[in-house]
Amino acid sequence: MSTTLESLQWRYAVKKFDENKQLSEEQIKVVTEAFNLTATSYGLQPVSLVVIKNKELQKKLVEHSWNQQQVAQASHVLVICVPKEHTVKDVENYFRLVKDIRNTPDEILEPFKNMLMGSFEQKTQEELFQWNKNQAYIALGNLLTVCAVEKIDACPMEGFIPEQYDELLDLHAKNLRSVLVMPIGFRAEDDFMKNLKKVRKQTNKTVLHID
């Protein structure tokens, strides 16, 4: 079995973290850089990552996380966010970055840029939010795999109250809305899920090959 598959077999959604173990700065750097390298539609990166290490804040967030104690126990809590308001300025900023990094001529960039800006202008903020939310799930999947490979435990969570997170983290001031939460750290030795066999359908039931 490949080391990647072994890592994915090792991974599970941790129900109890070891509160005495902390991730190193190097491990957090790997996680944050991996987030920044996540694939997103058109490469626009309409996602942000809030990294929380403040234990008092983590404890406050528990009551807004359906009382899931992993939020308080974890070494760090990751909150994946998307823009509260997403506008054509974000598209303009992206193409400015492309030009700065790749020095791509305007005559090549302009048609694509105009197409994207036109598409944005036709969408409501709710439609853009739903599209951006899809990108957040891509980022979550990438982070879960990276954490597994790096032997960092994680627990992906939709079970939280975004409005309360937004308020406590002052996200509106940063033009952000919380979408997903992922505590990370190290599994506790007495986590009841730790040694349970992974339950998955057989691969031939979920994968179709067309030759």
Protein backbone atom coordinates (compact mmCIF):
# COMPACT_ATOMS: atom_id res chain seq x y z
CA MET A 1 0.00 0.00 0.00
CA SER A 2 1.27 3.47 -0.84
CA THR A 3 2.22 5.83 1.98
CA THR A 4 -0.60 8.17 0.87
CA LEU A 5 -3.22 5.44 1.25
CA GLU A 6 -1.71 4.41 4.58
CA SER A 7 -2.06 8.00 5.77
CA LEU A 8 -5.70 8.14 4.66
CA GLN A 9 -6.38 4.86 6.45
CA TRP A 10 -4.78 6.34 9.58
CA ARG A 11 -6.95 9.47 9.42
CA TYR A 12 -10.29 9.74 11.14
CA ALA A 13 -12.49 12.52 12.53
CA VAL A 14 -11.01 12.86 16.01
CA LYS A 15 -13.55 13.01 18.84
CA LYS A 16 -11.06 13.77 21.60
CA PHE A 17 -7.75 15.59 21.32
CA ASP A 18 -4.78 15.40 23.68
CA GLU A 19 -4.85 18.84 25.30
CA ASN A 20 -1.21 18.53 26.39
CA LYS A 21 0.18 18.25 22.86
CA GLN A 22 0.74 21.26 20.62
CA LEU A 23 1.58 21.51 16.95
CA SER A 24 4.94 23.06 16.13
CA GLU A 25 5.32 26.29 14.20
CA GLU A 26 6.71 24.26 11.31
CA GLN A 27 3.61 22.05 11.24
CA ILE A 28 1.33 25.07 11.25
CA LYS A 29 3.36 26.55 8.41
CA VAL A 30 2.85 23.39 6.36
CA VAL A 31 -0.90 23.53 6.98
CA THR A 32 -1.23 27.22 6.11
CA GLU A 33 0.96 26.97 3.01
CA ALA A 34 -1.04 23.92 1.88
CA PHE A 35 -4.23 25.94 2.32
CA ASN A 36 -2.79 28.73 0.19
CA LEU A 37 -1.90 26.20 -2.53
CA THR A 38 -5.42 24.75 -2.66
CA ALA A 39 -7.05 24.63 -6.08
CA THR A 40 -9.93 27.09 -6.53
CA SER A 41 -12.19 27.91 -9.44
CA TYR A 42 -10.35 30.16 -11.92
CA GLY A 43 -7.56 30.41 -9.32
CA LEU A 44 -9.36 33.35 -7.66
CA GLN A 45 -8.85 32.06 -4.10
CA PRO A 46 -12.12 33.37 -2.61
CA VAL A 47 -11.26 31.68 0.69
CA SER A 48 -9.41 32.74 3.83
CA LEU A 49 -8.14 30.78 6.81
CA VAL A 50 -8.33 31.93 10.42
CA VAL A 51 -5.88 30.06 12.69
CA ILE A 52 -6.82 30.15 16.37
CA LYS A 53 -4.39 29.20 19.15
CA ASN A 54 -5.97 31.23 21.97
CA LYS A 55 -7.31 28.69 24.50
CA GLU A 56 -9.75 31.09 26.16
CA LEU A 57 -11.23 31.92 22.77
CA GLN A 58 -11.40 28.24 21.86
CA LYS A 59 -13.38 27.55 25.05
CA LYS A 60 -15.80 30.38 24.21
CA LEU A 61 -16.37 28.88 20.78
CA VAL A 62 -17.45 25.51 22.18
CA GLU A 63 -20.98 26.68 23.00
CA HIS A 64 -21.32 27.89 19.43
CA SER A 65 -20.08 24.53 18.12
CA TRP A 66 -22.91 22.35 19.37
CA ASN A 67 -20.82 21.78 22.51
CA GLN A 68 -18.20 19.79 20.61
CA GLN A 69 -15.27 19.72 23.01
CA GLN A 70 -12.68 19.19 20.27
CA VAL A 71 -12.77 22.95 19.68
CA ALA A 72 -11.37 23.58 23.17
CA GLN A 73 -9.08 20.53 23.30
CA ALA A 74 -7.31 20.96 19.95
CA SER A 75 -3.88 22.51 19.57
CA HIS A 76 -5.32 24.94 17.01
CA VAL A 77 -8.70 25.61 15.43
CA LEU A 78 -8.93 26.40 11.73
CA VAL A 79 -11.87 28.42 10.45
CA ILE A 80 -12.35 28.51 6.70
CA CYS A 81 -14.03 31.71 5.56
CA VAL A 82 -15.32 33.31 2.38
CA PRO A 83 -15.96 36.97 1.55
CA LYS A 84 -19.05 38.57 3.01
CA GLU A 85 -19.13 40.69 -0.14
CA HIS A 86 -17.42 39.53 -3.31
CA THR A 87 -17.10 42.11 -6.08
CA VAL A 88 -15.43 42.69 -9.42
CA LYS A 89 -12.59 44.38 -7.51
CA ASP A 90 -11.54 40.90 -6.38
CA VAL A 91 -11.34 39.83 -10.01
CA GLU A 92 -9.33 42.93 -10.89
CA ASN A 93 -6.93 42.24 -8.02
CA TYR A 94 -6.45 38.67 -9.22
CA PHE A 95 -5.52 39.72 -12.74
CA ARG A 96 -3.21 42.39 -11.36
CA LEU A 97 -1.44 39.62 -9.44
CA VAL A 98 -1.22 37.44 -12.55
CA LYS A 99 0.38 40.30 -14.45
CA ASP A 100 2.84 41.02 -11.62
CA ILE A 101 3.93 37.39 -11.27
CA ARG A 102 3.82 36.17 -14.86
CA ASN A 103 4.16 39.45 -16.74
CA THR A 104 1.35 38.28 -19.04
CA PRO A 105 0.50 40.84 -21.76
CA ASP A 106 -2.80 42.70 -21.36
CA GLU A 107 -4.05 41.52 -24.75
CA ILE A 108 -3.96 37.95 -23.45
CA LEU A 109 -5.46 38.72 -20.04
CA GLU A 110 -8.22 41.15 -21.04
CA PRO A 111 -10.65 38.71 -22.75
CA PHE A 112 -10.59 36.30 -19.79
CA LYS A 113 -10.76 39.17 -17.31
CA ASN A 114 -13.76 40.75 -19.04
CA MET A 115 -15.55 37.40 -19.19
CA LEU A 116 -15.11 36.84 -15.46
CA MET A 117 -16.09 40.38 -14.53
CA GLY A 118 -19.22 40.09 -16.65
CA SER A 119 -20.09 36.81 -14.94
CA PHE A 120 -19.62 38.36 -11.49
CA GLU A 121 -21.78 41.36 -12.31
CA GLN A 122 -24.67 39.07 -13.27
CA LYS A 123 -24.62 37.14 -9.98
CA THR A 124 -26.23 38.11 -6.69
CA GLN A 125 -24.18 38.13 -3.49
CA GLU A 126 -26.02 34.98 -2.38
CA GLU A 127 -25.07 33.21 -5.61
CA LEU A 128 -21.45 34.28 -5.14
CA PHE A 129 -21.56 33.12 -1.52
CA GLN A 130 -22.74 29.65 -2.55
CA TRP A 131 -20.04 29.45 -5.23
CA ASN A 132 -17.39 30.55 -2.75
CA LYS A 133 -18.69 28.05 -0.21
CA ASN A 134 -17.98 25.28 -2.73
CA GLN A 135 -14.38 26.48 -2.87
CA ALA A 136 -14.20 26.25 0.94
CA TYR A 137 -15.08 22.55 0.76
CA ILE A 138 -12.29 22.02 -1.76
CA ALA A 139 -9.90 23.66 0.72
CA LEU A 140 -11.21 21.49 3.55
CA GLY A 141 -10.64 18.31 1.55
CA ASN A 142 -7.12 19.38 0.68
CA LEU A 143 -6.32 20.19 4.32
CA LEU A 144 -7.65 16.83 5.51
CA THR A 145 -5.34 15.01 3.12
CA VAL A 146 -2.33 17.17 3.95
CA CYS A 147 -2.92 16.71 7.69
CA ALA A 148 -3.17 12.95 7.22
CA VAL A 149 0.12 12.82 5.31
CA GLU A 150 1.79 15.01 7.97
CA LYS A 151 0.31 12.86 10.79
CA ILE A 152 -1.68 15.80 12.14
CA ASP A 153 -5.07 14.83 13.53
CA ALA A 154 -8.15 16.76 12.48
CA CYS A 155 -11.90 16.91 12.82
CA PRO A 156 -13.86 18.57 9.98
CA MET A 157 -16.96 20.30 11.32
CA GLU A 158 -20.08 21.83 9.84
CA GLY A 159 -21.76 21.72 13.24
CA PHE A 160 -21.32 25.28 14.44
CA ILE A 161 -23.20 28.58 14.41
CA PRO A 162 -21.49 30.77 11.80
CA GLU A 163 -23.09 34.01 12.99
CA GLN A 164 -21.69 33.52 16.49
CA TYR A 165 -18.24 32.65 15.18
CA ASP A 166 -18.34 35.73 12.96
CA GLU A 167 -19.17 37.91 15.94
CA LEU A 168 -16.59 36.46 18.32
CA LEU A 169 -13.84 36.55 15.71
CA ASP A 170 -14.92 39.98 14.39
CA LEU A 171 -15.01 38.57 10.88
CA HIS A 172 -17.44 41.11 9.44
CA ALA A 173 -14.83 43.81 9.99
CA LYS A 174 -12.58 41.76 7.72
CA ASN A 175 -15.35 41.25 5.12
CA LEU A 176 -15.49 37.53 5.96
CA ARG A 177 -18.07 34.88 6.82
CA SER A 178 -17.18 31.59 8.49
CA VAL A 179 -18.14 28.46 6.55
CA LEU A 180 -16.26 25.47 8.00
CA VAL A 181 -14.33 24.65 11.16
CA MET A 182 -11.50 22.17 11.65
CA PRO A 183 -9.79 21.62 15.02
CA ILE A 184 -6.31 20.12 14.55
CA GLY A 185 -3.78 18.59 16.91
CA PHE A 186 -3.12 15.08 18.22
CA ARG A 187 -5.60 12.35 19.09
CA ALA A 188 -6.02 11.45 22.75
CA GLU A 189 -5.04 7.93 23.77
CA ASP A 190 -8.52 7.39 25.21
CA ASP A 191 -10.45 8.64 22.18
CA PHE A 192 -13.03 5.89 21.69
CA MET A 193 -12.75 6.26 17.90
CA LYS A 194 -8.98 5.81 17.87
CA ASN A 195 -8.77 2.07 17.19
CA LEU A 196 -12.07 1.47 15.42
CA LYS A 197 -11.92 0.05 11.91
CA LYS A 198 -12.68 2.50 9.13
CA VAL A 199 -16.13 1.97 7.65
CA ARG A 200 -16.18 2.44 3.89
CA LYS A 201 -17.99 0.84 0.98
CA GLN A 202 -15.91 -1.37 -1.27
CA THR A 203 -14.09 0.72 -3.87
CA ASN A 204 -15.84 -1.09 -6.75
CA LYS A 205 -19.14 0.18 -5.33
CA THR A 206 -18.11 3.84 -5.47
CA VAL A 207 -15.70 3.99 -8.45
CA LEU A 208 -16.83 3.37 -12.02
CA HIS A 209 -14.23 2.62 -14.70
CA ILE A 210 -15.06 3.44 -18.34
CA ASP A 211 -12.43 1.99 -20.70
